[in-house]
PDB file of N, CA and C in Angstrom:
ATOM      1  N   UNK A   1     111.981 100.154 139.494  1.00  0.00           N
ATOM      2  CA  UNK A   1     112.466 101.115 138.524  1.00  0.00           C
ATOM      3  C   UNK A   1     111.975 100.675 137.136  1.00  0.00           C
ATOM      4  N   UNK A   2     111.661 101.648 136.300  1.00  0.00           N
ATOM      5  CA  UNK A   2     111.199 101.378 134.936  1.00  0.00           C
ATOM      6  C   UNK A   2     112.093 102.095 133.932  1.00  0.00           C
ATOM      7  N   UNK A   3     112.302 101.458 132.811  1.00  0.00           N
ATOM      8  CA  UNK A   3     112.994 102.063 131.675  1.00  0.00           C
ATOM      9  C   UNK A   3     111.939 102.367 130.622  1.00  0.00           C
ATOM     10  N   UNK A   4     111.817 103.631 130.260  1.00  0.00           N
ATOM     11  CA  UNK A   4     110.865 104.057 129.229  1.00  0.00           C
ATOM     12  C   UNK A   4     111.655 104.365 127.972  1.00  0.00           C
ATOM     13  N   UNK A   5     111.217 103.805 126.858  1.00  0.00           N
ATOM     14  CA  UNK A   5     111.874 104.025 125.568  1.00  0.00           C
ATOM     15  C   UNK A   5     110.885 104.677 124.603  1.00  0.00           C
ATOM     16  N   UNK A   6     111.367 105.699 123.911  1.00  0.00           N
ATOM     17  CA  UNK A   6     110.594 106.382 122.876  1.00  0.00           C
ATOM     18  C   UNK A   6     111.311 106.130 121.556  1.00  0.00           C
ATOM     19  N   UNK A   7     110.599 105.571 120.585  1.00  0.00           N
ATOM     20  CA  UNK A   7     111.165 105.293 119.269  1.00  0.00           C
ATOM     21  C   UNK A   7     110.586 106.297 118.279  1.00  0.00           C
ATOM     22  N   UNK A   8     111.470 107.058 117.638  1.00  0.00           N
ATOM     23  CA  UNK A   8     111.035 108.078 116.682  1.00  0.00           C
ATOM     24  C   UNK A   8     111.762 107.901 115.356  1.00  0.00           C
ATOM     25  N   UNK A   9     111.078 108.166 114.259  1.00  0.00           N
ATOM     26  CA  UNK A   9     111.743 108.087 112.960  1.00  0.00           C
ATOM     27  C   UNK A   9     112.661 109.291 112.745  1.00  0.00           C
ATOM     28  N   UNK A  10     113.683 109.100 111.921  1.00  0.00           N
ATOM     29  CA  UNK A  10     114.590 110.204 111.572  1.00  0.00           C
ATOM     30  C   UNK A  10     113.952 111.145 110.555  1.00  0.00           C
ATOM     31  N   UNK A  11     112.908 110.679 109.841  1.00  0.00           N
ATOM     32  CA  UNK A  11     112.265 111.485 108.799  1.00  0.00           C
ATOM     33  C   UNK A  11     110.755 111.290 108.890  1.00  0.00           C
ATOM     34  N   UNK A  12     110.019 112.248 108.334  1.00  0.00           N
ATOM     35  CA  UNK A  12     108.558 112.112 108.331  1.00  0.00           C
ATOM     36  C   UNK A  12     108.121 111.129 107.247  1.00  0.00           C
ATOM     37  N   UNK A  13     106.819 110.963 107.100  1.00  0.00           N
ATOM     38  CA  UNK A  13     106.291 109.959 106.173  1.00  0.00           C
ATOM     39  C   UNK A  13     106.556 110.283 104.706  1.00  0.00           C
ATOM     40  N   UNK A  14     106.932 111.530 104.409  1.00  0.00           N
ATOM     41  CA  UNK A  14     107.279 111.896 103.032  1.00  0.00           C
ATOM     42  C   UNK A  14     108.776 111.751 102.781  1.00  0.00           C
ATOM     43  N   UNK A  15     109.534 111.376 103.819  1.00  0.00           N
ATOM     44  CA  UNK A  15     110.984 111.215 103.674  1.00  0.00           C
ATOM     45  C   UNK A  15     111.787 112.450 104.057  1.00  0.00           C
ATOM     46  N   UNK A  16     111.107 113.518 104.472  1.00  0.00           N
ATOM     47  CA  UNK A  16     111.807 114.741 104.863  1.00  0.00           C
ATOM     48  C   UNK A  16     112.417 114.556 106.252  1.00  0.00           C
ATOM     49  N   UNK A  17     113.755 114.648 106.372  1.00  0.00           N
ATOM     50  CA  UNK A  17     114.409 114.440 107.671  1.00  0.00           C
ATOM     51  C   UNK A  17     114.013 115.514 108.687  1.00  0.00           C
ATOM     52  N   UNK A  18     113.915 115.091 109.924  1.00  0.00           N
ATOM     53  CA  UNK A  18     113.689 116.054 111.002  1.00  0.00           C
ATOM     54  C   UNK A  18     115.005 116.727 111.337  1.00  0.00           C
ATOM     55  N   UNK A  19     114.926 117.980 111.757  1.00  0.00           N
ATOM     56  CA  UNK A  19     116.114 118.725 112.158  1.00  0.00           C
ATOM     57  C   UNK A  19     116.657 118.186 113.477  1.00  0.00           C
ATOM     58  N   UNK A  20     117.940 118.300 113.660  1.00  0.00           N
ATOM     59  CA  UNK A  20     118.582 117.894 114.917  1.00  0.00           C
ATOM     60  C   UNK A  20     117.948 118.634 116.092  1.00  0.00           C
ATOM     61  N   UNK A  21     117.530 119.866 115.861  1.00  0.00           N
ATOM     62  CA  UNK A  21     116.909 120.670 116.918  1.00  0.00           C
ATOM     63  C   UNK A  21     115.611 120.038 117.431  1.00  0.00           C
ATOM     64  N   UNK A  22     114.890 119.328 116.553  1.00  0.00           N
ATOM     65  CA  UNK A  22     113.659 118.652 116.987  1.00  0.00           C
ATOM     66  C   UNK A  22     113.975 117.597 118.048  1.00  0.00           C
ATOM     67  N   UNK A  23     115.049 116.859 117.826  1.00  0.00           N
ATOM     68  CA  UNK A  23     115.450 115.818 118.773  1.00  0.00           C
ATOM     69  C   UNK A  23     116.087 116.427 120.019  1.00  0.00           C
ATOM     70  N   UNK A  24     116.870 117.489 119.839  1.00  0.00           N
ATOM     71  CA  UNK A  24     117.477 118.158 120.993  1.00  0.00           C
ATOM     72  C   UNK A  24     116.410 118.744 121.918  1.00  0.00           C
ATOM     73  N   UNK A  25     115.358 119.285 121.335  1.00  0.00           N
ATOM     74  CA  UNK A  25     114.265 119.845 122.143  1.00  0.00           C
ATOM     75  C   UNK A  25     113.628 118.748 123.003  1.00  0.00           C
ATOM     76  N   UNK A  26     113.368 117.601 122.408  1.00  0.00           N
ATOM     77  CA  UNK A  26     112.788 116.496 123.177  1.00  0.00           C
ATOM     78  C   UNK A  26     113.751 116.038 124.271  1.00  0.00           C
ATOM     79  N   UNK A  27     115.023 115.964 123.947  1.00  0.00           N
ATOM     80  CA  UNK A  27     116.019 115.559 124.945  1.00  0.00           C
ATOM     81  C   UNK A  27     116.004 116.516 126.141  1.00  0.00           C
ATOM     82  N   UNK A  28     115.932 117.801 125.883  1.00  0.00           N
ATOM     83  CA  UNK A  28     115.890 118.793 126.967  1.00  0.00           C
ATOM     84  C   UNK A  28     114.601 118.667 127.780  1.00  0.00           C
ATOM     85  N   UNK A  29     113.478 118.440 127.113  1.00  0.00           N
ATOM     86  CA  UNK A  29     112.205 118.274 127.820  1.00  0.00           C
ATOM     87  C   UNK A  29     112.244 117.063 128.746  1.00  0.00           C
ATOM     88  N   UNK A  30     112.783 115.954 128.250  1.00  0.00           N
ATOM     89  CA  UNK A  30     112.857 114.748 129.072  1.00  0.00           C
ATOM     90  C   UNK A  30     113.832 114.929 130.236  1.00  0.00           C
ATOM     91  N   UNK A  31     114.948 115.589 129.979  1.00  0.00           N
ATOM     92  CA  UNK A  31     115.926 115.835 131.048  1.00  0.00           C
ATOM     93  C   UNK A  31     115.333 116.717 132.142  1.00  0.00           C
ATOM     94  N   UNK A  32     114.463 117.643 131.764  1.00  0.00           N
ATOM     95  CA  UNK A  32     113.832 118.520 132.748  1.00  0.00           C
ATOM     96  C   UNK A  32     112.779 117.776 133.572  1.00  0.00           C
ATOM     97  N   UNK A  33     112.179 116.734 133.003  1.00  0.00           N
ATOM     98  CA  UNK A  33     111.114 115.999 133.686  1.00  0.00           C
ATOM     99  C   UNK A  33     111.609 114.806 134.489  1.00  0.00           C
ATOM    100  N   UNK A  34     112.774 114.289 134.123  1.00  0.00           N
ATOM    101  CA  UNK A  34     113.310 113.086 134.765  1.00  0.00           C
ATOM    102  C   UNK A  34     114.733 113.382 135.218  1.00  0.00           C
ATOM    103  N   UNK A  35     115.331 112.451 135.916  1.00  0.00           N
ATOM    104  CA  UNK A  35     116.678 112.681 136.437  1.00  0.00           C
ATOM    105  C   UNK A  35     117.739 112.658 135.347  1.00  0.00           C
ATOM    106  N   UNK A  36     117.385 112.155 134.195  1.00  0.00           N
ATOM    107  CA  UNK A  36     118.328 112.113 133.082  1.00  0.00           C
ATOM    108  C   UNK A  36     117.674 111.476 131.874  1.00  0.00           C
ATOM    109  N   UNK A  37     118.357 111.565 130.762  1.00  0.00           N
ATOM    110  CA  UNK A  37     117.859 110.990 129.517  1.00  0.00           C
ATOM    111  C   UNK A  37     119.050 110.492 128.708  1.00  0.00           C
ATOM    112  N   UNK A  38     118.871 109.404 128.005  1.00  0.00           N
ATOM    113  CA  UNK A  38     119.865 108.920 127.056  1.00  0.00           C
ATOM    114  C   UNK A  38     119.217 108.975 125.685  1.00  0.00           C
ATOM    115  N   UNK A  39     119.915 109.603 124.742  1.00  0.00           N
ATOM    116  CA  UNK A  39     119.396 109.729 123.379  1.00  0.00           C
ATOM    117  C   UNK A  39     120.379 109.075 122.422  1.00  0.00           C
ATOM    118  N   UNK A  40     119.902 108.101 121.683  1.00  0.00           N
ATOM    119  CA  UNK A  40     120.713 107.416 120.673  1.00  0.00           C
ATOM    120  C   UNK A  40     120.388 108.062 119.327  1.00  0.00           C
ATOM    121  N   UNK A  41     121.163 109.083 118.955  1.00  0.00           N
ATOM    122  CA  UNK A  41     120.867 109.876 117.766  1.00  0.00           C
ATOM    123  C   UNK A  41     121.851 109.653 116.625  1.00  0.00           C
ATOM    124  N   UNK A  42     123.073 109.263 116.920  1.00  0.00           N
ATOM    125  CA  UNK A  42     124.115 109.220 115.903  1.00  0.00           C
ATOM    126  C   UNK A  42     124.053 107.997 114.999  1.00  0.00           C
ATOM    127  N   UNK A  43     123.712 106.870 115.542  1.00  0.00           N
ATOM    128  CA  UNK A  43     123.683 105.636 114.752  1.00  0.00           C
ATOM    129  C   UNK A  43     122.261 105.084 114.790  1.00  0.00           C
ATOM    130  N   UNK A  44     121.412 105.567 113.893  1.00  0.00           N
ATOM    131  CA  UNK A  44     120.014 105.157 114.005  1.00  0.00           C
ATOM    132  C   UNK A  44     119.832 103.658 113.789  1.00  0.00           C
ATOM    133  N   UNK A  45     118.841 103.148 114.470  1.00  0.00           N
ATOM    134  CA  UNK A  45     118.436 101.755 114.278  1.00  0.00           C
ATOM    135  C   UNK A  45     117.512 101.695 113.064  1.00  0.00           C
ATOM    136  N   UNK A  46     117.325 100.508 112.543  1.00  0.00           N
ATOM    137  CA  UNK A  46     116.417 100.325 111.422  1.00  0.00           C
ATOM    138  C   UNK A  46     115.152  99.658 111.919  1.00  0.00           C
ATOM    139  N   UNK A  47     114.016 100.247 111.594  1.00  0.00           N
ATOM    140  CA  UNK A  47     112.738  99.669 111.946  1.00  0.00           C
ATOM    141  C   UNK A  47     112.047  99.143 110.701  1.00  0.00           C
ATOM    142  N   UNK A  48     111.408  98.015 110.811  1.00  0.00           N
ATOM    143  CA  UNK A  48     110.658  97.418 109.711  1.00  0.00           C
ATOM    144  C   UNK A  48     109.287  97.058 110.240  1.00  0.00           C
ATOM    145  N   UNK A  49     108.234  97.418 109.516  1.00  0.00           N
ATOM    146  CA  UNK A  49     106.882  97.145 109.973  1.00  0.00           C
ATOM    147  C   UNK A  49     105.993  96.811 108.800  1.00  0.00           C
ATOM    148  N   UNK A  50     104.871  96.182 109.122  1.00  0.00           N
ATOM    149  CA  UNK A  50     103.883  95.813 108.105  1.00  0.00           C
ATOM    150  C   UNK A  50     102.567  96.495 108.426  1.00  0.00           C
ATOM    151  N   UNK A  51     101.936  96.974 107.389  1.00  0.00           N
ATOM    152  CA  UNK A  51     100.625  97.607 107.504  1.00  0.00           C
ATOM    153  C   UNK A  51      99.758  96.997 106.417  1.00  0.00           C
ATOM    154  N   UNK A  52      98.979  96.004 106.805  1.00  0.00           N
ATOM    155  CA  UNK A  52      98.217  95.267 105.800  1.00  0.00           C
ATOM    156  C   UNK A  52      99.177  94.530 104.888  1.00  0.00           C
ATOM    157  N   UNK A  53      99.087  94.757 103.584  1.00  0.00           N
ATOM    158  CA  UNK A  53      99.977  94.109 102.629  1.00  0.00           C
ATOM    159  C   UNK A  53     101.226  94.900 102.333  1.00  0.00           C
ATOM    160  N   UNK A  54     101.383  96.045 102.975  1.00  0.00           N
ATOM    161  CA  UNK A  54     102.512  96.928 102.697  1.00  0.00           C
ATOM    162  C   UNK A  54     103.571  96.806 103.781  1.00  0.00           C
ATOM    163  N   UNK A  55     104.832  96.766 103.377  1.00  0.00           N
ATOM    164  CA  UNK A  55     105.946  96.749 104.318  1.00  0.00           C
ATOM    165  C   UNK A  55     106.655  98.095 104.232  1.00  0.00           C
ATOM    166  N   UNK A  56     106.958  98.665 105.393  1.00  0.00           N
ATOM    167  CA  UNK A  56     107.658  99.939 105.442  1.00  0.00           C
ATOM    168  C   UNK A  56     108.883  99.832 106.321  1.00  0.00           C
ATOM    169  N   UNK A  57     109.752 100.810 106.183  1.00  0.00           N
ATOM    170  CA  UNK A  57     110.926 100.854 107.050  1.00  0.00           C
ATOM    171  C   UNK A  57     111.277 102.294 107.373  1.00  0.00           C
ATOM    172  N   UNK A  58     111.918 102.459 108.504  1.00  0.00           N
ATOM    173  CA  UNK A  58     112.359 103.770 108.989  1.00  0.00           C
ATOM    174  C   UNK A  58     113.715 103.618 109.636  1.00  0.00           C
ATOM    175  N   UNK A  59     114.538 104.647 109.514  1.00  0.00           N
ATOM    176  CA  UNK A  59     115.666 104.799 110.420  1.00  0.00           C
ATOM    177  C   UNK A  59     115.098 105.468 111.657  1.00  0.00           C
ATOM    178  N   UNK A  60     115.398 104.920 112.821  1.00  0.00           N
ATOM    179  CA  UNK A  60     114.817 105.462 114.044  1.00  0.00           C
ATOM    180  C   UNK A  60     115.899 105.872 115.036  1.00  0.00           C
ATOM    181  N   UNK A  61     115.512 106.768 115.922  1.00  0.00           N
ATOM    182  CA  UNK A  61     116.331 107.143 117.064  1.00  0.00           C
ATOM    183  C   UNK A  61     115.571 106.709 118.314  1.00  0.00           C
ATOM    184  N   UNK A  62     116.301 106.526 119.403  1.00  0.00           N
ATOM    185  CA  UNK A  62     115.700 106.034 120.640  1.00  0.00           C
ATOM    186  C   UNK A  62     116.084 106.966 121.786  1.00  0.00           C
ATOM    187  N   UNK A  63     115.089 107.320 122.575  1.00  0.00           N
ATOM    188  CA  UNK A  63     115.291 108.081 123.802  1.00  0.00           C
ATOM    189  C   UNK A  63     114.921 107.168 124.959  1.00  0.00           C
ATOM    190  N   UNK A  64     115.716 107.211 126.037  1.00  0.00           N
ATOM    191  CA  UNK A  64     115.435 106.396 127.222  1.00  0.00           C
ATOM    192  C   UNK A  64     115.479 107.256 128.474  1.00  0.00           C
ATOM    193  N   UNK A  65     114.526 107.007 129.359  1.00  0.00           N
ATOM    194  CA  UNK A  65     114.551 107.597 130.697  1.00  0.00           C
ATOM    195  C   UNK A  65     114.254 106.501 131.703  1.00  0.00           C
ATOM    196  N   UNK A  66     114.749 106.663 132.915  1.00  0.00           N
ATOM    197  CA  UNK A  66     114.422 105.759 134.009  1.00  0.00           C
ATOM    198  C   UNK A  66     113.548 106.517 134.998  1.00  0.00           C
ATOM    199  N   UNK A  67     112.554 105.826 135.526  1.00  0.00           N
ATOM    200  CA  UNK A  67     111.635 106.438 136.471  1.00  0.00           C
ATOM    201  C   UNK A  67     111.124 105.380 137.441  1.00  0.00           C
ATOM    202  N   UNK A  68     110.860 105.804 138.661  1.00  0.00           N
ATOM    203  CA  UNK A  68     110.347 104.867 139.656  1.00  0.00           C
ATOM    204  C   UNK A  68     108.892 104.512 139.398  1.00  0.00           C
ATOM    205  N   UNK A  69     108.112 105.485 138.991  1.00  0.00           N
ATOM    206  CA  UNK A  69     106.674 105.281 138.771  1.00  0.00           C
ATOM    207  C   UNK A  69     106.337 105.550 137.307  1.00  0.00           C
ATOM    208  N   UNK A  70     105.333 104.855 136.812  1.00  0.00           N
ATOM    209  CA  UNK A  70     104.835 105.061 135.450  1.00  0.00           C
ATOM    210  C   UNK A  70     103.463 105.729 135.538  1.00  0.00           C
ATOM    211  N   UNK A  71     103.365 106.931 135.003  1.00  0.00           N
ATOM    212  CA  UNK A  71     102.094 107.640 134.914  1.00  0.00           C
ATOM    213  C   UNK A  71     101.593 107.469 133.478  1.00  0.00           C
ATOM    214  N   UNK A  72     100.754 106.458 133.270  1.00  0.00           N
ATOM    215  CA  UNK A  72     100.315 106.136 131.915  1.00  0.00           C
ATOM    216  C   UNK A  72      99.562 107.279 131.250  1.00  0.00           C
ATOM    217  N   UNK A  73      98.799 108.018 132.003  1.00  0.00           N
ATOM    218  CA  UNK A  73      98.076 109.158 131.447  1.00  0.00           C
ATOM    219  C   UNK A  73      99.056 110.198 130.891  1.00  0.00           C
ATOM    220  N   UNK A  74     100.102 110.472 131.650  1.00  0.00           N
ATOM    221  CA  UNK A  74     101.125 111.419 131.197  1.00  0.00           C
ATOM    222  C   UNK A  74     101.833 110.905 129.945  1.00  0.00           C
ATOM    223  N   UNK A  75     102.173 109.634 129.925  1.00  0.00           N
ATOM    224  CA  UNK A  75     102.869 109.078 128.758  1.00  0.00           C
ATOM    225  C   UNK A  75     101.965 109.046 127.534  1.00  0.00           C
ATOM    226  N   UNK A  76     100.683 108.816 127.715  1.00  0.00           N
ATOM    227  CA  UNK A  76      99.754 108.859 126.579  1.00  0.00           C
ATOM    228  C   UNK A  76      99.674 110.275 126.019  1.00  0.00           C
ATOM    229  N   UNK A  77      99.658 111.257 126.900  1.00  0.00           N
ATOM    230  CA  UNK A  77      99.661 112.664 126.450  1.00  0.00           C
ATOM    231  C   UNK A  77     100.949 112.995 125.711  1.00  0.00           C
ATOM    232  N   UNK A  78     102.072 112.536 126.248  1.00  0.00           N
ATOM    233  CA  UNK A  78     103.360 112.766 125.577  1.00  0.00           C
ATOM    234  C   UNK A  78     103.369 112.115 124.197  1.00  0.00           C
ATOM    235  N   UNK A  79     102.831 110.891 124.116  1.00  0.00           N
ATOM    236  CA  UNK A  79     102.788 110.197 122.827  1.00  0.00           C
ATOM    237  C   UNK A  79     101.959 110.987 121.818  1.00  0.00           C
ATOM    238  N   UNK A  80     100.796 111.465 122.217  1.00  0.00           N
ATOM    239  CA  UNK A  80      99.952 112.263 121.313  1.00  0.00           C
ATOM    240  C   UNK A  80     100.674 113.508 120.833  1.00  0.00           C
ATOM    241  N   UNK A  81     101.363 114.168 121.748  1.00  0.00           N
ATOM    242  CA  UNK A  81     102.113 115.374 121.387  1.00  0.00           C
ATOM    243  C   UNK A  81     103.244 115.037 120.409  1.00  0.00           C
ATOM    244  N   UNK A  82     103.949 113.948 120.659  1.00  0.00           N
ATOM    245  CA  UNK A  82     105.038 113.555 119.753  1.00  0.00           C
ATOM    246  C   UNK A  82     104.501 113.144 118.385  1.00  0.00           C
ATOM    247  N   UNK A  83     103.355 112.494 118.346  1.00  0.00           N
ATOM    248  CA  UNK A  83     102.751 112.146 117.057  1.00  0.00           C
ATOM    249  C   UNK A  83     102.439 113.408 116.258  1.00  0.00           C
ATOM    250  N   UNK A  84     101.969 114.422 116.933  1.00  0.00           N
ATOM    251  CA  UNK A  84     101.689 115.695 116.259  1.00  0.00           C
ATOM    252  C   UNK A  84     102.979 116.363 115.798  1.00  0.00           C
ATOM    253  N   UNK A  85     103.939 116.495 116.712  1.00  0.00           N
ATOM    254  CA  UNK A  85     105.189 117.193 116.391  1.00  0.00           C
ATOM    255  C   UNK A  85     105.997 116.504 115.303  1.00  0.00           C
ATOM    256  N   UNK A  86     106.000 115.168 115.318  1.00  0.00           N
ATOM    257  CA  UNK A  86     106.803 114.417 114.361  1.00  0.00           C
ATOM    258  C   UNK A  86     105.950 113.865 113.205  1.00  0.00           C
ATOM    259  N   UNK A  87     104.724 114.342 113.097  1.00  0.00           N
ATOM    260  CA  UNK A  87     103.844 114.021 111.973  1.00  0.00           C
ATOM    261  C   UNK A  87     103.765 112.512 111.721  1.00  0.00           C
ATOM    262  N   UNK A  88     103.404 111.780 112.784  1.00  0.00           N
ATOM    263  CA  UNK A  88     103.333 110.319 112.725  1.00  0.00           C
ATOM    264  C   UNK A  88     101.934 109.834 113.082  1.00  0.00           C
ATOM    265  N   UNK A  89     101.522 108.750 112.440  1.00  0.00           N
ATOM    266  CA  UNK A  89     100.258 108.119 112.812  1.00  0.00           C
ATOM    267  C   UNK A  89     100.362 107.486 114.187  1.00  0.00           C
ATOM    268  N   UNK A  90     101.537 106.928 114.483  1.00  0.00           N
ATOM    269  CA  UNK A  90     101.733 106.243 115.765  1.00  0.00           C
ATOM    270  C   UNK A  90     103.201 106.341 116.173  1.00  0.00           C
ATOM    271  N   UNK A  91     103.446 106.806 117.382  1.00  0.00           N
ATOM    272  CA  UNK A  91     104.781 106.805 117.982  1.00  0.00           C
ATOM    273  C   UNK A  91     104.792 105.701 119.029  1.00  0.00           C
ATOM    274  N   UNK A  92     105.847 104.908 119.023  1.00  0.00           N
ATOM    275  CA  UNK A  92     105.967 103.819 119.989  1.00  0.00           C
ATOM    276  C   UNK A  92     106.676 104.324 121.245  1.00  0.00           C
ATOM    277  N   UNK A  93     106.000 104.175 122.359  1.00  0.00           N
ATOM    278  CA  UNK A  93     106.601 104.401 123.677  1.00  0.00           C
ATOM    279  C   UNK A  93     106.341 103.122 124.464  1.00  0.00           C
ATOM    280  N   UNK A  94     107.398 102.546 124.981  1.00  0.00           N
ATOM    281  CA  UNK A  94     107.267 101.302 125.744  1.00  0.00           C
ATOM    282  C   UNK A  94     108.037 101.426 127.047  1.00  0.00           C
ATOM    283  N   UNK A  95     107.640 100.628 128.018  1.00  0.00           N
ATOM    284  CA  UNK A  95     108.370 100.638 129.288  1.00  0.00           C
ATOM    285  C   UNK A  95     108.590  99.217 129.764  1.00  0.00           C
ATOM    286  N   UNK A  96     109.685  99.072 130.499  1.00  0.00           N
ATOM    287  CA  UNK A  96     110.096  97.769 131.014  1.00  0.00           C
ATOM    288  C   UNK A  96     110.444  97.925 132.489  1.00  0.00           C
ATOM    289  N   UNK A  97     110.117  96.934 133.261  1.00  0.00           N
ATOM    290  CA  UNK A  97     110.534  96.887 134.655  1.00  0.00           C
ATOM    291  C   UNK A  97     112.001  96.490 134.676  1.00  0.00           C
ATOM    292  N   UNK A  98     112.834  97.241 135.367  1.00  0.00           N
ATOM    293  CA  UNK A  98     114.267  96.943 135.416  1.00  0.00           C
ATOM    294  C   UNK A  98     114.746  96.967 136.865  1.00  0.00           C
ATOM    295  N   UNK A  99     115.912  96.400 137.061  1.00  0.00           N
ATOM    296  CA  UNK A  99     116.598  96.467 138.343  1.00  0.00           C
ATOM    297  C   UNK A  99     118.007  96.998 138.089  1.00  0.00           C
ATOM    298  N   UNK A 100     118.451  97.883 138.928  1.00  0.00           N
ATOM    299  CA  UNK A 100     119.797  98.429 138.801  1.00  0.00           C
ATOM    300  C   UNK A 100     120.777  97.543 139.557  1.00  0.00           C
ATOM    301  N   UNK A 101     121.960  97.402 139.022  1.00  0.00           N
ATOM    302  CA  UNK A 101     122.985  96.579 139.644  1.00  0.00           C
ATOM    303  C   UNK A 101     123.738  97.424 140.654  1.00  0.00           C
TER     304      UNK A 101
END
């Protein structure tokens, strides 16, 4: 079993917040493709990153799905689409091998 996490900023690069509907749409898409989705939207995490000599930060939300198989081609396509929709240079999608108790 794999846990896939999608990290998205709460606002675009100009500081304009995304609408709740943008996140709800993604939640519905993931729920339709997988057996379920968990969305951490209410208490955003803080992300800090460095780009050359510049340090940036974002409030982020996290979406998680569990899946037996990882289709990297599909996830790369999803990442490209999310980068377009959320106006980001790079969206982080990561997966971890997990075991259920």
